[in-house]
Amino acid sequence: MATIKVKQVKSRIGAPIDQKRTLDALGLRKLNAVVEKEATPQVLGMINKVKHLVVVVK
């Protein structure tokens, strides 16, 4: 499968607990952290849930 890189660009402070847990599940624990994940429907759904906090890097 294809891989995508996800970068956290906004702080998790003030976000609801479910969005914080989604960031943890993606492996994003700090601001400006970048993780590489496979582009599965589950991962794409998690990215969609926190799309205001992250950006997909090429």
Protein backbone atom coordinates (compact mmCIF):
# COMPACT_ATOMS: atom_id res chain seq x y z
CA MET A 1 0.00 0.00 0.00
CA ALA A 2 0.96 3.62 -0.38
CA THR A 3 2.33 5.48 2.60
CA ILE A 4 1.58 9.04 3.66
CA LYS A 5 3.34 11.37 6.06
CA VAL A 6 1.23 13.21 8.59
CA LYS A 7 2.46 16.26 10.50
CA GLN A 8 0.79 17.84 13.53
CA VAL A 9 0.65 21.60 12.94
CA LYS A 10 -1.73 22.81 15.66
CA SER A 11 -1.73 22.19 19.38
CA ARG A 12 -3.90 19.54 21.00
CA ILE A 13 -4.60 21.87 23.95
CA GLY A 14 -8.31 22.58 24.11
CA ALA A 15 -9.22 19.72 21.77
CA PRO A 16 -11.85 17.19 22.89
CA ILE A 17 -10.57 13.98 24.47
CA ASP A 18 -11.55 11.85 21.47
CA GLN A 19 -9.41 14.00 19.18
CA LYS A 20 -6.48 13.77 21.59
CA ARG A 21 -6.82 9.99 21.59
CA THR A 22 -6.95 9.99 17.79
CA LEU A 23 -3.67 11.94 17.68
CA ASP A 24 -2.16 9.41 20.10
CA ALA A 25 -3.36 6.54 17.91
CA LEU A 26 -1.68 8.16 14.92
CA GLY A 27 1.54 8.46 16.93
CA LEU A 28 1.48 12.26 17.08
CA ARG A 29 2.38 13.39 20.58
CA LYS A 30 4.22 16.68 19.99
CA LEU A 31 3.72 19.71 17.80
CA ASN A 32 5.51 19.46 14.42
CA ALA A 33 5.91 15.70 14.85
CA VAL A 34 5.83 13.72 11.59
CA VAL A 35 4.81 10.08 11.26
CA GLU A 36 4.62 7.83 8.22
CA LYS A 37 1.55 5.59 7.99
CA GLU A 38 0.05 3.29 5.40
CA ALA A 39 -2.92 4.84 3.60
CA THR A 40 -5.58 2.44 4.89
CA PRO A 41 -9.23 3.49 5.25
CA GLN A 42 -8.84 3.41 9.04
CA VAL A 43 -5.88 5.78 9.03
CA LEU A 44 -7.52 8.09 6.49
CA GLY A 45 -10.59 8.25 8.73
CA MET A 46 -8.46 9.20 11.73
CA ILE A 47 -6.75 11.91 9.69
CA ASN A 48 -10.15 13.22 8.58
CA LYS A 49 -11.28 13.44 12.21
CA VAL A 50 -8.37 15.71 13.19
CA LYS A 51 -7.88 17.43 9.84
CA HIS A 52 -7.84 20.87 11.52
CA LEU A 53 -4.82 19.83 13.61
CA VAL A 54 -2.72 17.97 11.03
CA VAL A 55 -1.48 18.28 7.48
CA VAL A 56 -0.46 15.57 5.01
CA VAL A 57 3.13 16.10 3.88
CA LYS A 58 4.27 14.97 0.43
